Each structure stands twice: as C-alpha cells, then as structure tokens.
C-alpha cells in the first residue's frame, strides 16, 4: 500500500467503550479506525506505532455522532482531515501506543522436522489456506499431510483428479487442495485447526 492515510472499519463493538484511534506508523503512514486490533497487523507491517491519538471525541467528527455509525461520523471525517493536511495531534488527545489492542495471528513453526501449520481460511471449494507465507517448496516434492501423501504442485491442472496436493495460492500462502474435490472435508479440518506436514 502507498504511504498516506488508510481508513479501516470492521467494528462489531460500535457504541461500546472501545476507542476510536488515529495512528502514525514508523514508516509515515496514518491509520484510522477502531481500537479493536484491526489496525495492529498493518501497524506491525509499517514498523510499529510512533504516535497514537484517541479520536472518540475528535473535533473533526460530524455532529451529532450516531451510536452505530462511527465509520461515517468519526473515522471518515478524521481520515479526511488528516489527508487534507491536519496534524495528528489536532484529531484528539495522545495515547500510549502500548495500550492499543492488538491481534496475534498464528504462525507456522518447524518442530522436530515437522511443519506445524494452522488453517487460516477455507474457501467455498474446500481449499485450505495455511499460515505459511511464501512457501519455498519445490514442485514435485512429496509430503505427508494429516497422514496422506501430497505433492507440491504449481497448479490444479498439474494434479490428477481426486489428488490431494500443496500449492502456493494467490496470496502467496501455502494451501492444500484436492483437484475436483474438497480438501477441508477430506482432511476433517476447519479454520484454527492445526495441520502437520512432514517429508514423505
């Protein structure tokens, strides 16, 4: 993403005591949104939070502020003012960056020669995305996945019908699929489950 002001609103806690925040990252980006962990992954990727302000009572907010539409009434106006050149300190009082809510995602690990990965997403076809970013497996190499043999392949066309295989998906993560089948059902896994991958 280019440097600039980024607004994100996924806010099931709207109307509660969760804070609204604007953040300046170490790389210069500004993030605006709810303090519910949503911004934490982007903040980490941007070098961490250098400065944070509470925008719950921002002078940039629209009035009256709706109890259920802070995206329109608080977050978007604050983001617009910041994009227009307003100082972060003018959006609200300073906060300790260490007090911000963060989200911790699972991370794959190698334990005794076994890749211990976690299911991040299952699409509507049953393809299983894992928490392994930019996998470095060579095509054709065979592994054991949950007790089944699976080759690393580049595309679905490289797999036989019904074959379980590993591939790098469009988000550059390791995924497990069955050509013309449902890998999640076949392996009996869902989001959050652990999946062990070992050399065959």
Protein backbone atom coordinates (compact mmCIF):
# COMPACT_ATOMS: atom_id res chain seq x y z
CA UNK A 1 0.00 0.00 0.00
CA UNK A 2 1.28 3.52 -0.72
CA UNK A 3 2.16 5.85 2.13
CA UNK A 4 -0.80 8.01 3.08
CA UNK A 5 -3.94 7.86 5.22
CA UNK A 6 -5.65 4.46 5.48
CA UNK A 7 -9.14 4.07 6.93
CA UNK A 8 -10.39 0.65 8.03
CA UNK A 9 -13.66 -0.08 9.80
CA UNK A 10 -14.64 -3.56 10.98
CA UNK A 11 -16.32 -2.61 14.19
CA UNK A 12 -18.64 -5.05 15.97
CA UNK A 13 -18.04 -3.02 19.16
CA UNK A 14 -19.51 0.21 17.77
CA UNK A 15 -21.40 2.04 20.51
CA UNK A 16 -19.42 0.30 23.28
CA UNK A 17 -16.50 1.72 25.26
CA UNK A 18 -13.93 0.67 22.62
CA UNK A 19 -11.82 3.60 21.48
CA UNK A 20 -11.52 5.12 18.03
CA UNK A 21 -7.90 5.86 17.15
CA UNK A 22 -5.65 7.52 14.62
CA UNK A 23 -2.08 6.23 14.42
CA UNK A 24 1.15 7.43 12.85
CA UNK A 25 3.38 4.50 11.95
CA UNK A 26 7.18 4.47 11.93
CA UNK A 27 7.11 4.43 8.11
CA UNK A 28 4.93 7.58 7.99
CA UNK A 29 1.57 6.00 7.16
CA UNK A 30 -1.51 7.13 9.10
CA UNK A 31 -4.17 4.61 10.13
CA UNK A 32 -7.68 5.47 11.31
CA UNK A 33 -10.20 3.03 12.78
CA UNK A 34 -11.48 1.29 15.89
CA UNK A 35 -9.04 0.20 18.60
CA UNK A 36 -10.12 -3.44 18.48
CA UNK A 37 -6.98 -4.98 16.97
CA UNK A 38 -7.99 -4.31 13.36
CA UNK A 39 -5.14 -1.85 12.79
CA UNK A 40 -2.48 -3.82 14.65
CA UNK A 41 -1.33 -6.02 11.76
CA UNK A 42 -0.92 -3.05 9.42
CA UNK A 43 0.86 -1.17 12.20
CA UNK A 44 3.29 -4.05 12.65
CA UNK A 45 3.98 -4.15 8.90
CA UNK A 46 4.61 -0.37 8.98
CA UNK A 47 7.30 -0.58 11.62
CA UNK A 48 5.09 -0.08 14.66
CA UNK A 49 3.11 2.83 16.10
CA UNK A 50 5.12 6.01 16.59
CA UNK A 51 2.20 8.14 17.79
CA UNK A 52 -1.44 7.46 18.69
CA UNK A 53 -4.44 9.65 19.46
CA UNK A 54 -7.94 8.91 20.77
CA UNK A 55 -10.48 10.25 18.25
CA UNK A 56 -13.64 9.32 20.16
CA UNK A 57 -14.42 12.99 20.81
CA UNK A 58 -12.45 14.42 17.88
CA UNK A 59 -13.23 17.98 16.84
CA UNK A 60 -13.22 16.63 13.27
CA UNK A 61 -16.21 14.31 13.93
CA UNK A 62 -19.58 15.04 12.37
CA UNK A 63 -22.32 16.09 14.77
CA UNK A 64 -24.46 14.55 16.01
CA UNK A 65 -22.45 11.32 16.25
CA UNK A 66 -24.60 8.24 15.65
CA UNK A 67 -24.36 5.48 18.23
CA UNK A 68 -23.98 2.88 15.48
CA UNK A 69 -22.27 4.58 12.51
CA UNK A 70 -18.85 5.74 13.68
CA UNK A 71 -17.36 4.91 10.29
CA UNK A 72 -19.33 7.79 8.79
CA UNK A 73 -19.44 10.16 11.74
CA UNK A 74 -15.96 9.81 13.29
CA UNK A 75 -13.48 7.70 11.32
CA UNK A 76 -14.11 9.05 7.80
CA UNK A 77 -14.09 12.75 8.81
CA UNK A 78 -10.88 12.29 10.82
CA UNK A 79 -9.23 10.44 7.91
CA UNK A 80 -10.34 13.19 5.51
CA UNK A 81 -8.91 15.95 7.70
CA UNK A 82 -5.61 14.09 8.07
CA UNK A 83 -5.45 13.51 4.31
CA UNK A 84 -6.06 17.22 3.88
CA UNK A 85 -3.00 18.06 5.97
CA UNK A 86 -4.37 18.37 9.53
CA UNK A 87 -1.94 17.49 12.31
CA UNK A 88 -2.47 14.18 14.07
CA UNK A 89 -2.35 15.95 17.45
CA UNK A 90 -5.36 18.06 16.39
CA UNK A 91 -7.52 14.93 15.91
CA UNK A 92 -7.62 14.03 19.61
CA UNK A 93 -5.62 13.52 22.81
CA UNK A 94 -2.41 11.48 22.75
CA UNK A 95 -2.50 7.80 23.76
CA UNK A 96 0.23 5.43 24.88
CA UNK A 97 0.84 3.18 21.83
CA UNK A 98 1.49 0.32 24.24
CA UNK A 99 -2.14 0.49 25.41
CA UNK A 100 -3.57 -0.25 21.94
CA UNK A 101 -5.42 -3.52 21.35
CA UNK A 102 -3.52 -5.95 19.14
CA UNK A 103 -4.36 -9.16 17.32
CA UNK A 104 -1.97 -12.10 17.43
CA UNK A 105 -2.21 -14.41 14.44
CA UNK A 106 -1.00 -17.97 14.44
CA UNK A 107 2.42 -18.61 12.94
CA UNK A 108 3.61 -21.87 11.45
CA UNK A 109 6.66 -23.44 13.06
CA UNK A 110 9.01 -26.31 12.33
CA UNK A 111 9.13 -28.70 15.28
CA UNK A 112 11.43 -31.73 15.09
CA UNK A 113 11.43 -31.60 11.28
CA UNK A 114 7.63 -31.31 11.05
CA UNK A 115 5.94 -28.16 9.75
CA UNK A 116 3.16 -27.34 12.22
CA UNK A 117 0.77 -25.03 10.36
CA UNK A 118 -2.69 -23.69 11.12
CA UNK A 119 -5.77 -23.35 8.94
CA UNK A 120 -6.35 -19.65 8.24
CA UNK A 121 -9.16 -19.89 5.69
CA UNK A 122 -11.28 -22.46 3.88
CA UNK A 123 -12.85 -21.27 0.64
CA UNK A 124 -16.20 -22.42 -0.76
CA UNK A 125 -14.47 -25.19 -2.73
CA UNK A 126 -12.81 -26.65 0.37
CA UNK A 127 -9.30 -25.40 -0.42
CA UNK A 128 -7.38 -24.93 2.83
CA UNK A 129 -5.13 -21.87 3.26
CA UNK A 130 -2.39 -22.21 5.89
CA UNK A 131 -0.35 -19.69 7.89
CA UNK A 132 2.77 -20.39 5.83
CA UNK A 133 3.75 -17.32 3.82
CA UNK A 134 5.78 -17.54 0.61
CA UNK A 135 6.44 -21.29 0.85
CA UNK A 136 9.72 -22.43 -0.66
CA UNK A 137 8.76 -25.98 -1.58
CA UNK A 138 9.90 -27.25 -4.99
CA UNK A 139 7.23 -28.61 -7.35
CA UNK A 140 7.04 -32.39 -7.30
CA UNK A 141 8.36 -32.84 -3.77
CA UNK A 142 6.14 -35.16 -1.73
CA UNK A 143 4.96 -34.63 1.82
CA UNK A 144 2.65 -36.30 4.27
CA UNK A 145 -0.31 -34.12 5.24
CA UNK A 146 -2.50 -35.46 8.05
CA UNK A 147 -1.41 -38.98 7.18
CA UNK A 148 -1.95 -38.64 3.41
CA UNK A 149 0.64 -38.27 0.67
CA UNK A 150 0.55 -34.90 -1.09
CA UNK A 151 2.84 -33.49 -3.78
CA UNK A 152 3.77 -29.82 -4.12
CA UNK A 153 2.36 -28.60 -7.43
CA UNK A 154 2.11 -25.25 -9.24
CA UNK A 155 -1.48 -25.52 -10.47
CA UNK A 156 -4.63 -27.59 -10.18
CA UNK A 157 -4.02 -28.80 -13.74
CA UNK A 158 -0.81 -30.48 -12.54
CA UNK A 159 -2.80 -32.72 -10.15
CA UNK A 160 -4.70 -35.86 -11.02
CA UNK A 161 -8.46 -35.86 -10.38
CA UNK A 162 -9.03 -36.51 -6.69
CA UNK A 163 -5.36 -35.94 -5.79
CA UNK A 164 -4.51 -34.13 -2.55
CA UNK A 165 -1.74 -31.58 -3.16
CA UNK A 166 0.04 -28.50 -1.80
CA UNK A 167 0.40 -25.27 -3.76
CA UNK A 168 1.14 -21.57 -3.36
CA UNK A 169 -2.18 -19.71 -3.52
CA UNK A 170 -2.92 -16.24 -4.91
CA UNK A 171 -1.97 -14.62 -1.58
CA UNK A 172 1.41 -16.40 -1.66
CA UNK A 173 0.48 -18.73 1.19
CA UNK A 174 0.76 -22.48 1.32
CA UNK A 175 -2.57 -24.14 0.65
CA UNK A 176 -3.90 -27.68 0.48
CA UNK A 177 -6.39 -28.73 -2.16
CA UNK A 178 -7.96 -31.73 -3.81
CA UNK A 179 -8.27 -31.49 -7.57
CA UNK A 180 -12.02 -31.61 -8.21
CA UNK A 181 -12.65 -32.24 -4.52
CA UNK A 182 -12.92 -30.73 -1.03
CA UNK A 183 -9.64 -30.80 0.93
CA UNK A 184 -11.18 -29.46 4.16
CA UNK A 185 -13.80 -32.23 4.23
CA UNK A 186 -11.28 -34.91 3.26
CA UNK A 187 -8.84 -33.85 6.00
CA UNK A 188 -11.57 -33.00 8.52
CA UNK A 189 -10.19 -29.52 9.22
CA UNK A 190 -11.68 -26.07 9.83
CA UNK A 191 -10.31 -22.58 10.50
CA UNK A 192 -7.99 -22.58 13.51
CA UNK A 193 -7.12 -26.27 13.29
CA UNK A 194 -3.52 -27.45 13.30
CA UNK A 195 -2.16 -29.34 10.30
CA UNK A 196 1.15 -31.21 10.39
CA UNK A 197 3.21 -31.54 7.23
CA UNK A 198 6.25 -33.81 7.13
CA UNK A 199 8.53 -35.15 4.41
CA UNK A 200 7.07 -38.26 2.78
